[in-house]
Amino acid sequence: MDPIIVLSVVMLAVWAAGTWFDAPGWIHILLTAGVFLLTWRIVTKAAKPPASGKR
């Protein structure tokens, strides 16, 4: 699996766990960054041209 996708999922999991407790306001940056990284990586991964076979 792609490390950027793993990082974004970890960030979202930490954010979700942090919202159950009395978390400071800066923890919501993890939500913003996690969603951004996940969306960015999925879009850029889909935009790559298919790899051509070796000759």
PDB file of N, CA and C in Angstrom:
ATOM      1  N   MET A   1       0.841  -1.170   0.000  1.00  0.00           N
ATOM      2  CA  MET A   1       0.000   0.000   0.000  1.00  0.00           C
ATOM      3  C   MET A   1       0.894   1.244   0.000  1.00  0.00           C
ATOM      4  N   ASP A   2       0.376   2.290  -0.528  1.00  0.00           N
ATOM      5  CA  ASP A   2       1.100   3.546  -0.649  1.00  0.00           C
ATOM      6  C   ASP A   2       1.321   4.173   0.736  1.00  0.00           C
ATOM      7  N   PRO A   3       2.543   4.621   1.042  1.00  0.00           N
ATOM      8  CA  PRO A   3       2.804   5.197   2.372  1.00  0.00           C
ATOM      9  C   PRO A   3       2.027   6.497   2.645  1.00  0.00           C
ATOM     10  N   ILE A   4       1.731   7.258   1.615  1.00  0.00           N
ATOM     11  CA  ILE A   4       0.971   8.495   1.817  1.00  0.00           C
ATOM     12  C   ILE A   4      -0.462   8.170   2.227  1.00  0.00           C
ATOM     13  N   ILE A   5      -1.031   7.143   1.637  1.00  0.00           N
ATOM     14  CA  ILE A   5      -2.390   6.736   2.008  1.00  0.00           C
ATOM     15  C   ILE A   5      -2.400   6.206   3.443  1.00  0.00           C
ATOM     16  N   VAL A   6      -1.383   5.442   3.801  1.00  0.00           N
ATOM     17  CA  VAL A   6      -1.291   4.929   5.169  1.00  0.00           C
ATOM     18  C   VAL A   6      -1.159   6.087   6.159  1.00  0.00           C
ATOM     19  N   LEU A   7      -0.319   7.062   5.841  1.00  0.00           N
ATOM     20  CA  LEU A   7      -0.147   8.231   6.707  1.00  0.00           C
ATOM     21  C   LEU A   7      -1.455   8.991   6.876  1.00  0.00           C
ATOM     22  N   SER A   8      -2.192   9.180   5.793  1.00  0.00           N
ATOM     23  CA  SER A   8      -3.453   9.916   5.892  1.00  0.00           C
ATOM     24  C   SER A   8      -4.480   9.151   6.723  1.00  0.00           C
ATOM     25  N   VAL A   9      -4.515   7.847   6.596  1.00  0.00           N
ATOM     26  CA  VAL A   9      -5.456   7.048   7.403  1.00  0.00           C
ATOM     27  C   VAL A   9      -5.066   7.101   8.877  1.00  0.00           C
ATOM     28  N   VAL A  10      -3.760   7.075   9.162  1.00  0.00           N
ATOM     29  CA  VAL A  10      -3.299   7.195  10.553  1.00  0.00           C
ATOM     30  C   VAL A  10      -3.675   8.566  11.122  1.00  0.00           C
ATOM     31  N   MET A  11      -3.501   9.605  10.329  1.00  0.00           N
ATOM     32  CA  MET A  11      -3.867  10.948  10.784  1.00  0.00           C
ATOM     33  C   MET A  11      -5.355  11.030  11.092  1.00  0.00           C
ATOM     34  N   LEU A  12      -6.170  10.431  10.231  1.00  0.00           N
ATOM     35  CA  LEU A  12      -7.616  10.445  10.472  1.00  0.00           C
ATOM     36  C   LEU A  12      -7.987   9.624  11.703  1.00  0.00           C
ATOM     37  N   ALA A  13      -7.282   8.530  11.933  1.00  0.00           N
ATOM     38  CA  ALA A  13      -7.552   7.709  13.121  1.00  0.00           C
ATOM     39  C   ALA A  13      -7.164   8.454  14.400  1.00  0.00           C
ATOM     40  N   VAL A  14      -6.030   9.157  14.378  1.00  0.00           N
ATOM     41  CA  VAL A  14      -5.617   9.943  15.546  1.00  0.00           C
ATOM     42  C   VAL A  14      -6.614  11.077  15.798  1.00  0.00           C
ATOM     43  N   TRP A  15      -7.069  11.714  14.728  1.00  0.00           N
ATOM     44  CA  TRP A  15      -8.072  12.765  14.885  1.00  0.00           C
ATOM     45  C   TRP A  15      -9.356  12.196  15.495  1.00  0.00           C
ATOM     46  N   ALA A  16      -9.807  11.050  14.979  1.00  0.00           N
ATOM     47  CA  ALA A  16     -11.044  10.448  15.483  1.00  0.00           C
ATOM     48  C   ALA A  16     -10.902  10.072  16.960  1.00  0.00           C
ATOM     49  N   ALA A  17      -9.760   9.524  17.333  1.00  0.00           N
ATOM     50  CA  ALA A  17      -9.540   9.179  18.743  1.00  0.00           C
ATOM     51  C   ALA A  17      -9.450  10.438  19.598  1.00  0.00           C
ATOM     52  N   GLY A  18      -8.859  11.487  19.056  1.00  0.00           N
ATOM     53  CA  GLY A  18      -8.711  12.724  19.801  1.00  0.00           C
ATOM     54  C   GLY A  18     -10.020  13.443  20.049  1.00  0.00           C
ATOM     55  N   THR A  19     -10.977  13.264  19.189  1.00  0.00           N
ATOM     56  CA  THR A  19     -12.261  13.950  19.382  1.00  0.00           C
ATOM     57  C   THR A  19     -13.088  13.321  20.502  1.00  0.00           C
ATOM     58  N   TRP A  20     -12.759  12.111  20.926  1.00  0.00           N
ATOM     59  CA  TRP A  20     -13.477  11.474  22.031  1.00  0.00           C
ATOM     60  C   TRP A  20     -13.088  12.075  23.371  1.00  0.00           C
ATOM     61  N   PHE A  21     -11.914  12.704  23.411  1.00  0.00           N
ATOM     62  CA  PHE A  21     -11.424  13.303  24.653  1.00  0.00           C
ATOM     63  C   PHE A  21     -11.506  14.816  24.543  1.00  0.00           C
ATOM     64  N   ASP A  22     -11.127  15.496  25.562  1.00  0.00           N
ATOM     65  CA  ASP A  22     -11.142  16.958  25.550  1.00  0.00           C
ATOM     66  C   ASP A  22      -9.889  17.444  24.814  1.00  0.00           C
ATOM     67  N   ALA A  23      -9.941  17.396  23.511  1.00  0.00           N
ATOM     68  CA  ALA A  23      -8.785  17.718  22.679  1.00  0.00           C
ATOM     69  C   ALA A  23      -8.717  19.209  22.388  1.00  0.00           C
ATOM     70  N   PRO A  24      -7.505  19.728  22.215  1.00  0.00           N
ATOM     71  CA  PRO A  24      -7.378  21.139  21.838  1.00  0.00           C
ATOM     72  C   PRO A  24      -7.828  21.359  20.400  1.00  0.00           C
ATOM     73  N   GLY A  25      -8.008  22.601  20.042  1.00  0.00           N
ATOM     74  CA  GLY A  25      -8.521  22.931  18.714  1.00  0.00           C
ATOM     75  C   GLY A  25      -7.596  22.578  17.576  1.00  0.00           C
ATOM     76  N   TRP A  26      -6.281  22.511  17.859  1.00  0.00           N
ATOM     77  CA  TRP A  26      -5.335  22.235  16.777  1.00  0.00           C
ATOM     78  C   TRP A  26      -5.436  20.804  16.257  1.00  0.00           C
ATOM     79  N   ILE A  27      -6.099  19.928  16.992  1.00  0.00           N
ATOM     80  CA  ILE A  27      -6.189  18.531  16.534  1.00  0.00           C
ATOM     81  C   ILE A  27      -7.018  18.420  15.254  1.00  0.00           C
ATOM     82  N   HIS A  28      -7.848  19.424  14.983  1.00  0.00           N
ATOM     83  CA  HIS A  28      -8.660  19.392  13.768  1.00  0.00           C
ATOM     84  C   HIS A  28      -7.818  19.632  12.516  1.00  0.00           C
ATOM     85  N   ILE A  29      -6.587  20.074  12.698  1.00  0.00           N
ATOM     86  CA  ILE A  29      -5.664  20.164  11.562  1.00  0.00           C
ATOM     87  C   ILE A  29      -5.401  18.771  11.000  1.00  0.00           C
ATOM     88  N   LEU A  30      -5.419  17.759  11.869  1.00  0.00           N
ATOM     89  CA  LEU A  30      -5.222  16.388  11.402  1.00  0.00           C
ATOM     90  C   LEU A  30      -6.343  15.957  10.460  1.00  0.00           C
ATOM     91  N   LEU A  31      -7.561  16.396  10.738  1.00  0.00           N
ATOM     92  CA  LEU A  31      -8.675  16.084   9.845  1.00  0.00           C
ATOM     93  C   LEU A  31      -8.452  16.721   8.483  1.00  0.00           C
ATOM     94  N   THR A  32      -8.110  18.001   8.483  1.00  0.00           N
ATOM     95  CA  THR A  32      -7.891  18.715   7.229  1.00  0.00           C
ATOM     96  C   THR A  32      -6.745  18.097   6.435  1.00  0.00           C
ATOM     97  N   ALA A  33      -5.622  17.863   7.096  1.00  0.00           N
ATOM     98  CA  ALA A  33      -4.450  17.314   6.417  1.00  0.00           C
ATOM     99  C   ALA A  33      -4.693  15.879   5.953  1.00  0.00           C
ATOM    100  N   GLY A  34      -5.352  15.081   6.772  1.00  0.00           N
ATOM    101  CA  GLY A  34      -5.616  13.692   6.402  1.00  0.00           C
ATOM    102  C   GLY A  34      -6.526  13.567   5.191  1.00  0.00           C
ATOM    103  N   VAL A  35      -7.588  14.353   5.166  1.00  0.00           N
ATOM    104  CA  VAL A  35      -8.505  14.322   4.021  1.00  0.00           C
ATOM    105  C   VAL A  35      -7.813  14.856   2.773  1.00  0.00           C
ATOM    106  N   PHE A  36      -7.019  15.927   2.936  1.00  0.00           N
ATOM    107  CA  PHE A  36      -6.290  16.485   1.796  1.00  0.00           C
ATOM    108  C   PHE A  36      -5.321  15.463   1.214  1.00  0.00           C
ATOM    109  N   LEU A  37      -4.510  14.834   2.066  1.00  0.00           N
ATOM    110  CA  LEU A  37      -3.526  13.862   1.565  1.00  0.00           C
ATOM    111  C   LEU A  37      -4.203  12.672   0.888  1.00  0.00           C
ATOM    112  N   LEU A  38      -5.267  12.183   1.493  1.00  0.00           N
ATOM    113  CA  LEU A  38      -5.963  11.033   0.911  1.00  0.00           C
ATOM    114  C   LEU A  38      -6.563  11.383  -0.440  1.00  0.00           C
ATOM    115  N   THR A  39      -7.222  12.520  -0.531  1.00  0.00           N
ATOM    116  CA  THR A  39      -7.816  12.943  -1.806  1.00  0.00           C
ATOM    117  C   THR A  39      -6.740  13.205  -2.849  1.00  0.00           C
ATOM    118  N   TRP A  40      -5.691  13.919  -2.452  1.00  0.00           N
ATOM    119  CA  TRP A  40      -4.598  14.244  -3.377  1.00  0.00           C
ATOM    120  C   TRP A  40      -3.939  12.984  -3.927  1.00  0.00           C
ATOM    121  N   ARG A  41      -3.688  12.018  -3.068  1.00  0.00           N
ATOM    122  CA  ARG A  41      -3.001  10.803  -3.515  1.00  0.00           C
ATOM    123  C   ARG A  41      -3.889   9.962  -4.427  1.00  0.00           C
ATOM    124  N   ILE A  42      -5.161   9.874  -4.125  1.00  0.00           N
ATOM    125  CA  ILE A  42      -6.063   9.096  -4.978  1.00  0.00           C
ATOM    126  C   ILE A  42      -6.183   9.745  -6.349  1.00  0.00           C
ATOM    127  N   VAL A  43      -6.294  11.069  -6.385  1.00  0.00           N
ATOM    128  CA  VAL A  43      -6.435  11.770  -7.669  1.00  0.00           C
ATOM    129  C   VAL A  43      -5.161  11.667  -8.490  1.00  0.00           C
ATOM    130  N   THR A  44      -3.994  11.865  -7.858  1.00  0.00           N
ATOM    131  CA  THR A  44      -2.742  11.807  -8.620  1.00  0.00           C
ATOM    132  C   THR A  44      -2.404  10.382  -9.037  1.00  0.00           C
ATOM    133  N   LYS A  45      -2.805   9.414  -8.251  1.00  0.00           N
ATOM    134  CA  LYS A  45      -2.554   8.013  -8.619  1.00  0.00           C
ATOM    135  C   LYS A  45      -3.399   7.624  -9.830  1.00  0.00           C
ATOM    136  N   ALA A  46      -4.615   8.143  -9.919  1.00  0.00           N
ATOM    137  CA  ALA A  46      -5.495   7.826 -11.032  1.00  0.00           C
ATOM    138  C   ALA A  46      -5.091   8.585 -12.297  1.00  0.00           C
ATOM    139  N   ALA A  47      -4.397   9.713 -12.155  1.00  0.00           N
ATOM    140  CA  ALA A  47      -4.031  10.531 -13.309  1.00  0.00           C
ATOM    141  C   ALA A  47      -2.784  10.045 -14.015  1.00  0.00           C
ATOM    142  N   LYS A  48      -2.046   9.115 -13.410  1.00  0.00           N
ATOM    143  CA  LYS A  48      -0.829   8.623 -14.040  1.00  0.00           C
ATOM    144  C   LYS A  48      -1.182   7.790 -15.263  1.00  0.00           C
ATOM    145  N   PRO A  49      -0.398   7.925 -16.348  1.00  0.00           N
ATOM    146  CA  PRO A  49      -0.643   7.088 -17.524  1.00  0.00           C
ATOM    147  C   PRO A  49      -0.274   5.640 -17.204  1.00  0.00           C
ATOM    148  N   PRO A  50      -0.937   4.709 -17.827  1.00  0.00           N
ATOM    149  CA  PRO A  50      -0.625   3.300 -17.566  1.00  0.00           C
ATOM    150  C   PRO A  50       0.799   2.970 -18.030  1.00  0.00           C
ATOM    151  N   ALA A  51       1.443   2.113 -17.282  1.00  0.00           N
ATOM    152  CA  ALA A  51       2.821   1.711 -17.623  1.00  0.00           C
ATOM    153  C   ALA A  51       2.788   0.808 -18.855  1.00  0.00           C
ATOM    154  N   SER A  52       3.686   1.085 -19.765  1.00  0.00           N
ATOM    155  CA  SER A  52       3.762   0.252 -20.958  1.00  0.00           C
ATOM    156  C   SER A  52       4.611  -0.980 -20.684  1.00  0.00           C
ATOM    157  N   GLY A  53       4.345  -2.019 -21.389  1.00  0.00           N
ATOM    158  CA  GLY A  53       5.088  -3.267 -21.212  1.00  0.00           C
ATOM    159  C   GLY A  53       6.494  -3.172 -21.771  1.00  0.00           C
ATOM    160  N   LYS A  54       7.372  -4.014 -21.241  1.00  0.00           N
ATOM    161  CA  LYS A  54       8.760  -4.023 -21.756  1.00  0.00           C
ATOM    162  C   LYS A  54       8.811  -4.664 -23.124  1.00  0.00           C
ATOM    163  N   ARG A  55       9.752  -4.187 -23.918  1.00  0.00           N
ATOM    164  CA  ARG A  55       9.918  -4.762 -25.249  1.00  0.00           C
ATOM    165  C   ARG A  55      11.171  -5.578 -25.310  1.00  0.00           C
TER     166      ARG A  55
END
